[in-house]
């Protein structure tokens, strides 16, 4: 509520892009790709929230919330932030390719429309097997990516350190706090699923909330680290 216009505009933009992707998939008769894309949303979501981290940082230091402030904050370490985005996107592409291969091995052809897709997944034995195997494989991708990115991207917005340093710190944070971080991952997953159920409209609110909460999680975990949590940082770290 400290930055309502920026927050809801950000969430609204994510919602609009999500709806456009669904429409595009339906237009080219590739709606089954929607399932791995939705599952993979969590893999790239931390990068999509970079602007929200910048808003949080600006609020913390008393700066006005403007596009220039956000761009300047991100620009301080833009190369490393972009590199982290490329890394997450590569993981997402691999996940989609794996899911596509699994779909091809499980079914003959694509069903007609969203209703046919739901029937295929929920009312056939092959559908249940596909969901079970896909969920197990997706959990490996999600867990690995969560550990790498949950703290890394807020760090990259806040400090001028490398991707390797940021990822190392993120993994260390998850390793030092496995139970609360597992709970946080479950909250993110559950909230995201609820947002999808509402036809992506829930992302207008949940995306800003999750982004800001991730920023404060980073500040609590890294700004005041425990002896078990090393902070990997380069010599040109921004204060």
Protein backbone atom coordinates (compact mmCIF):
# COMPACT_ATOMS: atom_id res chain seq x y z
CA UNK A 1 0.00 0.00 0.00
CA UNK A 2 3.03 2.31 0.18
CA UNK A 3 3.19 2.21 -3.63
CA UNK A 4 -0.29 1.14 -4.81
CA UNK A 5 -0.16 2.43 -8.38
CA UNK A 6 3.21 0.88 -9.15
CA UNK A 7 2.27 -2.37 -7.41
CA UNK A 8 -1.06 -2.94 -9.14
CA UNK A 9 0.33 -1.78 -12.49
CA UNK A 10 3.11 -4.34 -12.15
CA UNK A 11 0.71 -7.13 -11.24
CA UNK A 12 -1.66 -6.05 -14.02
CA UNK A 13 1.15 -6.22 -16.59
CA UNK A 14 2.04 -9.77 -15.53
CA UNK A 15 -1.64 -10.74 -15.80
CA UNK A 16 -1.95 -9.21 -19.27
CA UNK A 17 1.13 -11.04 -20.55
CA UNK A 18 -0.15 -14.33 -19.09
CA UNK A 19 -3.52 -13.97 -20.82
CA UNK A 20 -1.79 -13.07 -24.10
CA UNK A 21 0.32 -16.25 -23.90
CA UNK A 22 -2.79 -18.39 -23.34
CA UNK A 23 -4.51 -16.75 -26.32
CA UNK A 24 -1.43 -17.31 -28.50
CA UNK A 25 -1.19 -20.99 -27.55
CA UNK A 26 -4.88 -21.47 -28.28
CA UNK A 27 -4.46 -19.72 -31.63
CA UNK A 28 -1.74 -22.11 -32.79
CA UNK A 29 -3.49 -25.16 -31.30
CA UNK A 30 -0.74 -25.82 -28.77
CA UNK A 31 -2.79 -25.42 -25.61
CA UNK A 32 -1.21 -28.51 -23.94
CA UNK A 33 1.97 -26.45 -23.63
CA UNK A 34 0.08 -24.34 -21.12
CA UNK A 35 0.61 -26.90 -18.36
CA UNK A 36 4.45 -26.93 -18.44
CA UNK A 37 4.47 -23.17 -18.94
CA UNK A 38 2.32 -22.68 -15.85
CA UNK A 39 4.46 -25.09 -13.88
CA UNK A 40 7.57 -23.33 -15.14
CA UNK A 41 6.25 -19.90 -14.16
CA UNK A 42 7.78 -20.38 -10.72
CA UNK A 43 11.19 -20.92 -12.35
CA UNK A 44 11.31 -17.46 -13.93
CA UNK A 45 9.01 -15.63 -11.51
CA UNK A 46 11.91 -14.28 -9.37
CA UNK A 47 13.31 -12.50 -12.42
CA UNK A 48 9.91 -11.07 -13.32
CA UNK A 49 9.80 -9.54 -9.83
CA UNK A 50 13.04 -7.56 -10.24
CA UNK A 51 11.10 -4.31 -10.55
CA UNK A 52 9.30 -5.06 -7.29
CA UNK A 53 12.64 -5.55 -5.53
CA UNK A 54 13.71 -2.17 -6.88
CA UNK A 55 10.52 -0.58 -5.51
CA UNK A 56 11.17 -2.17 -2.11
CA UNK A 57 14.74 -0.88 -2.09
CA UNK A 58 13.59 2.62 -3.01
CA UNK A 59 11.01 2.60 -0.21
CA UNK A 60 13.65 1.42 2.26
CA UNK A 61 15.94 4.38 1.52
CA UNK A 62 13.16 6.94 1.14
CA UNK A 63 13.40 7.44 -2.62
CA UNK A 64 10.33 8.35 -4.74
CA UNK A 65 8.71 5.51 -6.64
CA UNK A 66 9.17 6.46 -10.28
CA UNK A 67 10.18 4.61 -13.43
CA UNK A 68 13.49 6.46 -13.35
CA UNK A 69 14.19 5.32 -9.78
CA UNK A 70 13.36 1.72 -10.64
CA UNK A 71 15.48 1.80 -13.80
CA UNK A 72 18.41 3.39 -11.96
CA UNK A 73 18.25 0.82 -9.16
CA UNK A 74 18.19 -2.10 -11.58
CA UNK A 75 20.78 -0.47 -13.82
CA UNK A 76 23.39 -0.48 -11.09
CA UNK A 77 23.92 -4.20 -11.68
CA UNK A 78 21.98 -4.74 -14.89
CA UNK A 79 24.51 -7.05 -16.58
CA UNK A 80 24.45 -9.57 -13.73
CA UNK A 81 20.66 -9.30 -13.41
CA UNK A 82 20.31 -9.97 -17.13
CA UNK A 83 22.71 -12.91 -16.88
CA UNK A 84 20.62 -14.39 -14.06
CA UNK A 85 17.54 -13.96 -16.24
CA UNK A 86 19.22 -15.86 -19.07
CA UNK A 87 20.15 -18.66 -16.67
CA UNK A 88 16.57 -18.98 -15.39
CA UNK A 89 15.19 -18.88 -18.92
CA UNK A 90 17.53 -21.66 -20.02
CA UNK A 91 16.33 -23.80 -17.11
CA UNK A 92 12.74 -23.01 -18.10
CA UNK A 93 13.37 -23.98 -21.74
CA UNK A 94 14.91 -27.29 -20.67
CA UNK A 95 11.91 -27.96 -18.43
CA UNK A 96 9.44 -27.23 -21.26
CA UNK A 97 11.35 -29.52 -23.62
CA UNK A 98 11.35 -32.32 -21.04
CA UNK A 99 7.62 -31.84 -20.42
CA UNK A 100 6.92 -31.81 -24.18
CA UNK A 101 8.86 -35.05 -24.63
CA UNK A 102 6.97 -36.64 -21.74
CA UNK A 103 3.65 -35.55 -23.28
CA UNK A 104 4.63 -37.02 -26.66
CA UNK A 105 5.54 -40.33 -25.02
CA UNK A 106 2.29 -40.42 -23.03
CA UNK A 107 -0.36 -39.42 -25.59
CA UNK A 108 -1.17 -39.62 -29.29
CA UNK A 109 -1.77 -36.10 -30.55
CA UNK A 110 -3.28 -33.01 -28.94
CA UNK A 111 -6.82 -32.81 -27.52
CA UNK A 112 -9.33 -30.22 -28.73
CA UNK A 113 -9.54 -27.15 -26.55
CA UNK A 114 -9.10 -26.63 -22.84
CA UNK A 115 -11.98 -28.95 -21.92
CA UNK A 116 -10.40 -31.80 -23.87
CA UNK A 117 -7.08 -31.15 -22.19
CA UNK A 118 -8.63 -31.32 -18.72
CA UNK A 119 -10.47 -34.54 -19.58
CA UNK A 120 -7.26 -36.07 -20.91
CA UNK A 121 -5.32 -35.28 -17.74
CA UNK A 122 -7.97 -36.02 -15.12
CA UNK A 123 -10.07 -38.81 -16.60
CA UNK A 124 -7.58 -41.20 -18.15
CA UNK A 125 -4.97 -43.53 -16.70
CA UNK A 126 -2.29 -42.11 -19.00
CA UNK A 127 -3.26 -38.65 -17.83
CA UNK A 128 -2.77 -39.51 -14.17
CA UNK A 129 0.59 -41.13 -14.95
CA UNK A 130 1.66 -38.08 -16.93
CA UNK A 131 0.74 -35.72 -14.08
CA UNK A 132 2.51 -37.87 -11.48
CA UNK A 133 5.75 -38.22 -13.44
CA UNK A 134 5.66 -34.62 -14.60
CA UNK A 135 5.12 -33.37 -11.07
CA UNK A 136 8.08 -35.38 -9.78
CA UNK A 137 10.39 -34.10 -12.52
CA UNK A 138 9.06 -30.56 -12.13
CA UNK A 139 9.70 -30.69 -8.39
CA UNK A 140 13.39 -31.32 -9.06
CA UNK A 141 13.57 -28.34 -11.41
CA UNK A 142 11.59 -26.13 -9.02
CA UNK A 143 13.60 -27.05 -5.91
CA UNK A 144 16.92 -26.46 -7.64
CA UNK A 145 15.83 -23.16 -9.15
CA UNK A 146 14.24 -21.96 -5.90
CA UNK A 147 17.47 -22.57 -4.00
CA UNK A 148 19.46 -20.72 -6.66
CA UNK A 149 17.21 -17.70 -7.13
CA UNK A 150 15.10 -17.02 -4.02
CA UNK A 151 17.73 -14.73 -2.50
CA UNK A 152 20.01 -14.23 -5.51
CA UNK A 153 17.91 -11.76 -7.48
CA UNK A 154 17.11 -9.43 -4.55
CA UNK A 155 20.84 -9.41 -3.79
CA UNK A 156 21.67 -8.50 -7.39
CA UNK A 157 19.25 -5.57 -7.21
CA UNK A 158 20.62 -4.42 -3.85
CA UNK A 159 24.35 -5.04 -4.28
CA UNK A 160 26.88 -5.01 -7.10
CA UNK A 161 28.01 -8.62 -6.90
CA UNK A 162 28.28 -11.38 -9.46
CA UNK A 163 25.69 -14.01 -10.33
CA UNK A 164 27.95 -16.72 -8.92
CA UNK A 165 28.28 -14.90 -5.59
CA UNK A 166 24.52 -14.26 -5.46
CA UNK A 167 23.63 -17.89 -6.25
CA UNK A 168 26.10 -19.16 -3.66
CA UNK A 169 24.55 -16.91 -1.03
CA UNK A 170 21.03 -18.00 -2.01
CA UNK A 171 21.89 -21.70 -1.77
CA UNK A 172 23.58 -21.07 1.59
CA UNK A 173 20.46 -19.29 2.87
CA UNK A 174 18.22 -22.20 1.86
CA UNK A 175 20.64 -24.76 3.32
CA UNK A 176 20.86 -22.90 6.64
CA UNK A 177 17.07 -22.49 6.92
CA UNK A 178 15.52 -25.56 5.26
CA UNK A 179 12.19 -25.67 7.11
CA UNK A 180 11.15 -22.00 6.82
CA UNK A 181 12.39 -21.88 3.23
CA UNK A 182 10.39 -25.00 2.38
CA UNK A 183 7.34 -23.34 3.92
CA UNK A 184 8.03 -20.18 1.94
CA UNK A 185 8.29 -22.22 -1.28
CA UNK A 186 4.95 -23.89 -0.47
CA UNK A 187 3.33 -20.50 0.14
CA UNK A 188 4.63 -19.21 -3.19
CA UNK A 189 3.41 -22.31 -5.02
CA UNK A 190 0.00 -22.30 -3.36
CA UNK A 191 -0.56 -18.59 -3.91
CA UNK A 192 0.49 -18.90 -7.55
CA UNK A 193 -1.89 -21.80 -8.16
CA UNK A 194 -4.76 -19.79 -6.65
CA UNK A 195 -3.84 -16.92 -8.96
CA UNK A 196 -4.01 -19.24 -11.97
CA UNK A 197 -7.40 -20.59 -10.87
CA UNK A 198 -8.80 -17.04 -11.01
CA UNK A 199 -7.85 -16.78 -14.66
CA UNK A 200 -4.59 -15.00 -13.78
CA UNK A 201 -6.49 -12.06 -12.29
CA UNK A 202 -5.16 -12.95 -8.85
CA UNK A 203 -1.66 -12.11 -10.06
CA UNK A 204 -2.60 -8.43 -9.91
CA UNK A 205 -2.39 -8.69 -6.11
CA UNK A 206 -0.31 -11.80 -5.42
CA UNK A 207 2.63 -10.89 -7.67
CA UNK A 208 3.41 -7.63 -5.79
CA UNK A 209 2.84 -9.31 -2.41
CA UNK A 210 5.19 -12.19 -3.19
CA UNK A 211 7.79 -9.85 -4.66
CA UNK A 212 7.83 -7.55 -1.65
CA UNK A 213 7.80 -10.49 0.77
CA UNK A 214 10.77 -12.01 -1.07
CA UNK A 215 12.66 -8.75 -0.65
CA UNK A 216 12.06 -8.70 3.10
CA UNK A 217 13.02 -12.38 3.33
CA UNK A 218 16.31 -11.50 1.65
CA UNK A 219 16.90 -8.60 4.03
CA UNK A 220 16.27 -10.80 7.08
CA UNK A 221 18.37 -13.68 5.81
CA UNK A 222 21.35 -11.87 4.31
CA UNK A 223 21.55 -8.40 5.81
CA UNK A 224 21.66 -9.93 9.29
CA UNK A 225 23.22 -13.33 8.51
CA UNK A 226 23.79 -15.98 11.11
CA UNK A 227 27.28 -17.50 11.60
CA UNK A 228 26.10 -20.44 9.47
CA UNK A 229 25.26 -18.20 6.51
CA UNK A 230 28.24 -16.83 4.57
CA UNK A 231 27.72 -13.84 2.34
CA UNK A 232 29.63 -14.20 -0.91
CA UNK A 233 30.29 -10.75 -2.31
CA UNK A 234 32.77 -8.99 -4.55
CA UNK A 235 34.93 -6.05 -3.60
CA UNK A 236 32.80 -3.51 -5.50
CA UNK A 237 29.66 -4.22 -3.44
CA UNK A 238 27.20 -1.34 -3.38
CA UNK A 239 26.22 -0.09 0.08
